[in-house]
Amino acid sequence: MKIDKNTVVTVEYKLSDAQNNLIEDGRQPMVYLHGGYENTLPKIEEELDGKDVGYHNTIQIEPEDAFGDYDPNLIKVEERSRLPEPLEVGMQFEGMPDGEDGEEEAMIFTVTEIADDKVVLDGNHPLAGMALRFDLKVVDVRAATEDEIAHEHVHGAHGHHHGDDEDEGEEGDQFRSHPIH
């Protein structure tokens, strides 16, 4: 089966910077719903569109097509008391950027430095400003289920699971930690 809109694609990958320094070895394959659902980078979808199981290639994606340029305006210094303990460099939190129009979306901030009473938070994606090389190998392609198409993401192994605990209350949600990717 060829990769096309509404197929579920399983890709083994390695991610490196432009100098071939390994960033992520892809121990778990990437499984995504193909067809513009924003489940992977558009340039990866573009590269894999129409390909078959066994296709293998290395592509380089420039910052503007990956995670954008590094923006120094996305650095915030916060009072340590505003963040939960224990606090460690590398932890991630959801928060609001400093802005004037009030219509901005929440974003993820990474703790990059901790001083006695201050914490430096970086709203840039950890890979912002970097050209990235993806070594891609297609290992499976299947038709997506109706549920996957309706929900716009893969279900099951390496995908998303819907459960009854999704609608937990928002109490204590002003800072939510996220795994680092």
C-alpha atoms as a PDB file:
ATOM      1  CA  MET A   1       0.000   0.000   0.000  1.00  0.00           C
ATOM      2  CA  LYS A   2       1.310   3.443  -0.900  1.00  0.00           C
ATOM      3  CA  ILE A   3       1.379   6.316   1.585  1.00  0.00           C
ATOM      4  CA  ASP A   4      -1.575   8.573   0.842  1.00  0.00           C
ATOM      5  CA  LYS A   5      -4.123  10.699   2.713  1.00  0.00           C
ATOM      6  CA  ASN A   6      -5.733   8.743   5.563  1.00  0.00           C
ATOM      7  CA  THR A   7      -3.077   6.062   5.827  1.00  0.00           C
ATOM      8  CA  VAL A   8      -1.315   5.234   9.075  1.00  0.00           C
ATOM      9  CA  VAL A   9       2.431   5.279   8.523  1.00  0.00           C
ATOM     10  CA  THR A  10       5.050   3.650  10.755  1.00  0.00           C
ATOM     11  CA  VAL A  11       8.530   5.080  10.282  1.00  0.00           C
ATOM     12  CA  GLU A  12      11.805   4.141  11.928  1.00  0.00           C
ATOM     13  CA  TYR A  13      13.906   7.264  12.215  1.00  0.00           C
ATOM     14  CA  LYS A  14      17.040   8.869  13.534  1.00  0.00           C
ATOM     15  CA  LEU A  15      17.182  12.599  14.116  1.00  0.00           C
ATOM     16  CA  SER A  16      20.478  14.511  13.852  1.00  0.00           C
ATOM     17  CA  ASP A  17      21.541  18.106  13.497  1.00  0.00           C
ATOM     18  CA  ALA A  18      23.070  19.408  10.253  1.00  0.00           C
ATOM     19  CA  GLN A  19      26.531  18.260  11.435  1.00  0.00           C
ATOM     20  CA  ASN A  20      25.224  14.682  11.936  1.00  0.00           C
ATOM     21  CA  ASN A  21      25.301  14.883  15.743  1.00  0.00           C
ATOM     22  CA  LEU A  22      22.635  12.450  16.930  1.00  0.00           C
ATOM     23  CA  ILE A  23      19.723  14.130  18.726  1.00  0.00           C
ATOM     24  CA  GLU A  24      17.271  11.225  18.970  1.00  0.00           C
ATOM     25  CA  ASP A  25      17.745   7.606  17.976  1.00  0.00           C
ATOM     26  CA  GLY A  26      14.075   6.797  17.462  1.00  0.00           C
ATOM     27  CA  ARG A  27      13.973   3.712  19.679  1.00  0.00           C
ATOM     28  CA  GLN A  28      10.213   3.795  19.250  1.00  0.00           C
ATOM     29  CA  PRO A  29       9.046   4.178  15.656  1.00  0.00           C
ATOM     30  CA  MET A  30       7.008   7.233  14.713  1.00  0.00           C
ATOM     31  CA  VAL A  31       3.422   6.295  13.879  1.00  0.00           C
ATOM     32  CA  TYR A  32       1.262   9.032  12.387  1.00  0.00           C
ATOM     33  CA  LEU A  33      -1.896   9.671  10.364  1.00  0.00           C
ATOM     34  CA  HIS A  34      -0.795  10.930   6.939  1.00  0.00           C
ATOM     35  CA  GLY A  35      -2.663  13.671   5.135  1.00  0.00           C
ATOM     36  CA  GLY A  36      -2.116  17.104   6.629  1.00  0.00           C
ATOM     37  CA  TYR A  37      -3.337  16.395  10.162  1.00  0.00           C
ATOM     38  CA  GLU A  38      -0.215  18.032  11.668  1.00  0.00           C
ATOM     39  CA  ASN A  39       0.893  14.760  13.300  1.00  0.00           C
ATOM     40  CA  THR A  40       4.417  15.196  11.931  1.00  0.00           C
ATOM     41  CA  LEU A  41       6.371  17.908  10.134  1.00  0.00           C
ATOM     42  CA  PRO A  42       4.891  18.828   6.720  1.00  0.00           C
ATOM     43  CA  LYS A  43       8.268  18.263   5.001  1.00  0.00           C
ATOM     44  CA  ILE A  44       8.315  14.668   6.315  1.00  0.00           C
ATOM     45  CA  GLU A  45       4.810  14.078   4.934  1.00  0.00           C
ATOM     46  CA  GLU A  46       5.858  15.656   1.641  1.00  0.00           C
ATOM     47  CA  GLU A  47       8.888  13.337   1.440  1.00  0.00           C
ATOM     48  CA  LEU A  48       6.899  10.180   2.248  1.00  0.00           C
ATOM     49  CA  ASP A  49       3.801  10.894   0.153  1.00  0.00           C
ATOM     50  CA  GLY A  50       3.303   8.135  -2.431  1.00  0.00           C
ATOM     51  CA  LYS A  51       6.080   5.932  -1.012  1.00  0.00           C
ATOM     52  CA  ASP A  52       5.889   2.237  -0.014  1.00  0.00           C
ATOM     53  CA  VAL A  53       7.097   0.047   2.847  1.00  0.00           C
ATOM     54  CA  GLY A  54      10.886  -0.223   2.556  1.00  0.00           C
ATOM     55  CA  TYR A  55      11.404   3.351   1.347  1.00  0.00           C
ATOM     56  CA  HIS A  56      14.510   4.797   3.001  1.00  0.00           C
ATOM     57  CA  ASN A  57      16.002   8.279   2.696  1.00  0.00           C
ATOM     58  CA  THR A  58      17.701  11.013   4.688  1.00  0.00           C
ATOM     59  CA  ILE A  59      16.271  14.519   4.401  1.00  0.00           C
ATOM     60  CA  GLN A  60      17.370  17.848   5.836  1.00  0.00           C
ATOM     61  CA  ILE A  61      14.726  20.261   7.060  1.00  0.00           C
ATOM     62  CA  GLU A  62      15.636  23.908   7.609  1.00  0.00           C
ATOM     63  CA  PRO A  63      14.472  25.734  10.783  1.00  0.00           C
ATOM     64  CA  GLU A  64      11.637  27.594   9.049  1.00  0.00           C
ATOM     65  CA  ASP A  65      10.129  24.233   8.015  1.00  0.00           C
ATOM     66  CA  ALA A  66      10.820  22.546  11.360  1.00  0.00           C
ATOM     67  CA  PHE A  67      10.546  24.364  14.700  1.00  0.00           C
ATOM     68  CA  GLY A  68      11.233  27.919  13.558  1.00  0.00           C
ATOM     69  CA  ASP A  69      14.036  30.323  14.276  1.00  0.00           C
ATOM     70  CA  TYR A  70      15.197  30.873  17.856  1.00  0.00           C
ATOM     71  CA  ASP A  71      13.342  33.858  19.355  1.00  0.00           C
ATOM     72  CA  PRO A  72      15.110  35.544  22.315  1.00  0.00           C
ATOM     73  CA  ASN A  73      11.806  37.289  23.160  1.00  0.00           C
ATOM     74  CA  LEU A  74      10.446  33.924  24.359  1.00  0.00           C
ATOM     75  CA  ILE A  75      12.761  33.897  27.400  1.00  0.00           C
ATOM     76  CA  LYS A  76      11.028  34.668  30.715  1.00  0.00           C
ATOM     77  CA  VAL A  77      12.447  35.107  34.206  1.00  0.00           C
ATOM     78  CA  GLU A  78       9.951  34.120  36.898  1.00  0.00           C
ATOM     79  CA  GLU A  79       9.948  34.083  40.672  1.00  0.00           C
ATOM     80  CA  ARG A  80      10.799  30.572  41.809  1.00  0.00           C
ATOM     81  CA  SER A  81       7.864  30.700  44.231  1.00  0.00           C
ATOM     82  CA  ARG A  82       5.432  30.763  41.239  1.00  0.00           C
ATOM     83  CA  LEU A  83       6.512  27.278  40.149  1.00  0.00           C
ATOM     84  CA  PRO A  84       5.960  23.909  41.822  1.00  0.00           C
ATOM     85  CA  GLU A  85       8.667  22.085  43.749  1.00  0.00           C
ATOM     86  CA  PRO A  86      10.767  20.078  43.241  1.00  0.00           C
ATOM     87  CA  LEU A  87      12.071  22.087  40.307  1.00  0.00           C
ATOM     88  CA  GLU A  88      14.783  20.897  37.925  1.00  0.00           C
ATOM     89  CA  VAL A  89      16.450  22.191  34.749  1.00  0.00           C
ATOM     90  CA  GLY A  90      14.735  20.541  31.777  1.00  0.00           C
ATOM     91  CA  MET A  91      11.255  20.463  33.296  1.00  0.00           C
ATOM     92  CA  GLN A  92       8.524  21.859  31.081  1.00  0.00           C
ATOM     93  CA  PHE A  93       5.442  23.882  31.946  1.00  0.00           C
ATOM     94  CA  GLU A  94       2.513  25.295  30.061  1.00  0.00           C
ATOM     95  CA  GLY A  95       2.155  29.052  30.396  1.00  0.00           C
ATOM     96  CA  MET A  96       1.253  32.264  28.647  1.00  0.00           C
ATOM     97  CA  PRO A  97       3.813  34.300  26.694  1.00  0.00           C
ATOM     98  CA  ASP A  98       4.391  37.908  27.707  1.00  0.00           C
ATOM     99  CA  GLY A  99       2.341  39.913  25.234  1.00  0.00           C
ATOM    100  CA  GLU A 100       0.010  42.817  24.797  1.00  0.00           C
ATOM    101  CA  ASP A 101      -2.975  41.594  22.773  1.00  0.00           C
ATOM    102  CA  GLY A 102      -4.220  38.926  25.214  1.00  0.00           C
ATOM    103  CA  GLU A 103      -5.263  36.550  22.431  1.00  0.00           C
ATOM    104  CA  GLU A 104      -2.144  34.404  22.472  1.00  0.00           C
ATOM    105  CA  GLU A 105      -2.269  30.664  23.003  1.00  0.00           C
ATOM    106  CA  ALA A 106      -0.617  28.915  25.910  1.00  0.00           C
ATOM    107  CA  MET A 107       2.817  27.566  25.092  1.00  0.00           C
ATOM    108  CA  ILE A 108       5.375  25.207  26.591  1.00  0.00           C
ATOM    109  CA  PHE A 109       8.270  26.710  28.550  1.00  0.00           C
ATOM    110  CA  THR A 110      11.404  24.746  29.483  1.00  0.00           C
ATOM    111  CA  VAL A 111      13.346  25.484  32.670  1.00  0.00           C
ATOM    112  CA  THR A 112      16.863  26.354  31.473  1.00  0.00           C
ATOM    113  CA  GLU A 113      18.376  27.874  34.611  1.00  0.00           C
ATOM    114  CA  ILE A 114      17.553  28.023  38.323  1.00  0.00           C
ATOM    115  CA  ALA A 115      18.955  30.651  40.684  1.00  0.00           C
ATOM    116  CA  ASP A 116      18.130  31.105  44.361  1.00  0.00           C
ATOM    117  CA  ASP A 117      14.802  32.869  43.850  1.00  0.00           C
ATOM    118  CA  LYS A 118      14.545  33.166  40.039  1.00  0.00           C
ATOM    119  CA  VAL A 119      13.911  30.664  37.240  1.00  0.00           C
ATOM    120  CA  VAL A 120      14.699  31.160  33.542  1.00  0.00           C
ATOM    121  CA  LEU A 121      12.010  29.725  31.259  1.00  0.00           C
ATOM    122  CA  ASP A 122      12.518  29.341  27.501  1.00  0.00           C
ATOM    123  CA  GLY A 123       9.424  29.245  25.277  1.00  0.00           C
ATOM    124  CA  ASN A 124      11.398  28.222  22.201  1.00  0.00           C
ATOM    125  CA  HIS A 125      11.139  24.616  21.096  1.00  0.00           C
ATOM    126  CA  PRO A 126      14.398  22.879  22.114  1.00  0.00           C
ATOM    127  CA  LEU A 127      15.158  22.358  18.391  1.00  0.00           C
ATOM    128  CA  ALA A 128      14.301  25.935  17.302  1.00  0.00           C
ATOM    129  CA  GLY A 129      16.908  27.509  15.059  1.00  0.00           C
ATOM    130  CA  MET A 130      18.387  24.157  14.018  1.00  0.00           C
ATOM    131  CA  ALA A 131      18.510  22.496  10.618  1.00  0.00           C
ATOM    132  CA  LEU A 132      17.499  18.868  11.218  1.00  0.00           C
ATOM    133  CA  ARG A 133      18.365  15.659   9.415  1.00  0.00           C
ATOM    134  CA  PHE A 134      15.874  12.831   9.524  1.00  0.00           C
ATOM    135  CA  ASP A 135      16.943   9.350   8.469  1.00  0.00           C
ATOM    136  CA  LEU A 136      13.568   7.798   7.585  1.00  0.00           C
ATOM    137  CA  LYS A 137      12.622   4.191   6.826  1.00  0.00           C
ATOM    138  CA  VAL A 138       8.997   3.252   6.167  1.00  0.00           C
ATOM    139  CA  VAL A 139       8.230  -0.039   7.935  1.00  0.00           C
ATOM    140  CA  ASP A 140       4.410  -0.185   7.711  1.00  0.00           C
ATOM    141  CA  VAL A 141       1.512   1.492   5.926  1.00  0.00           C
ATOM    142  CA  ARG A 142      -2.141   0.692   6.559  1.00  0.00           C
ATOM    143  CA  ALA A 143      -5.521   2.274   5.948  1.00  0.00           C
ATOM    144  CA  ALA A 144      -6.680   4.461   8.831  1.00  0.00           C
ATOM    145  CA  THR A 145      -9.847   3.518  10.703  1.00  0.00           C
ATOM    146  CA  GLU A 146     -12.916   5.756  10.610  1.00  0.00           C
ATOM    147  CA  ASP A 147     -12.267   6.703  14.257  1.00  0.00           C
ATOM    148  CA  GLU A 148      -8.671   7.679  13.518  1.00  0.00           C
ATOM    149  CA  ILE A 149      -9.788   9.873  10.611  1.00  0.00           C
ATOM    150  CA  ALA A 150     -12.566  11.439  12.722  1.00  0.00           C
ATOM    151  CA  HIS A 151     -10.145  12.147  15.599  1.00  0.00           C
ATOM    152  CA  GLU A 152      -7.309  13.119  13.199  1.00  0.00           C
ATOM    153  CA  HIS A 153      -4.681  10.922  14.909  1.00  0.00           C
ATOM    154  CA  VAL A 154      -3.627   7.290  15.263  1.00  0.00           C
ATOM    155  CA  HIS A 155      -5.210   5.062  17.918  1.00  0.00           C
ATOM    156  CA  GLY A 156      -3.721   1.918  19.413  1.00  0.00           C
ATOM    157  CA  ALA A 157      -0.053   0.945  19.567  1.00  0.00           C
ATOM    158  CA  HIS A 158       2.148   4.088  19.670  1.00  0.00           C
ATOM    159  CA  GLY A 159      -0.958   6.221  19.104  1.00  0.00           C
ATOM    160  CA  HIS A 160      -3.448   8.035  21.321  1.00  0.00           C
ATOM    161  CA  HIS A 161      -5.969   6.294  23.540  1.00  0.00           C
ATOM    162  CA  HIS A 162      -9.323   7.849  24.448  1.00  0.00           C
ATOM    163  CA  GLY A 163     -10.452   7.188  27.991  1.00  0.00           C
ATOM    164  CA  ASP A 164     -12.811   8.384  30.667  1.00  0.00           C
ATOM    165  CA  ASP A 165     -10.102  10.315  32.508  1.00  0.00           C
ATOM    166  CA  GLU A 166      -9.691  12.948  29.797  1.00  0.00           C
ATOM    167  CA  ASP A 167     -12.087  15.386  31.414  1.00  0.00           C
ATOM    168  CA  GLU A 168     -10.366  15.732  34.773  1.00  0.00           C
ATOM    169  CA  GLY A 169     -10.918  19.006  36.581  1.00  0.00           C
ATOM    170  CA  GLU A 170      -8.724  22.023  36.047  1.00  0.00           C
ATOM    171  CA  GLU A 171      -7.983  22.540  39.721  1.00  0.00           C
ATOM    172  CA  GLY A 172      -4.220  22.924  40.114  1.00  0.00           C
ATOM    173  CA  ASP A 173      -3.731  23.063  36.332  1.00  0.00           C
ATOM    174  CA  GLN A 174      -2.097  26.501  36.129  1.00  0.00           C
ATOM    175  CA  PHE A 175       1.250  24.719  35.660  1.00  0.00           C
ATOM    176  CA  ARG A 176       1.229  21.302  34.020  1.00  0.00           C
ATOM    177  CA  SER A 177       4.473  19.457  33.511  1.00  0.00           C
ATOM    178  CA  HIS A 178       5.181  17.816  30.160  1.00  0.00           C
ATOM    179  CA  PRO A 179       7.707  15.187  29.151  1.00  0.00           C
ATOM    180  CA  ILE A 180      10.688  16.466  27.198  1.00  0.00           C
ATOM    181  CA  HIS A 181      10.761  15.382  23.550  1.00  0.00           C
END
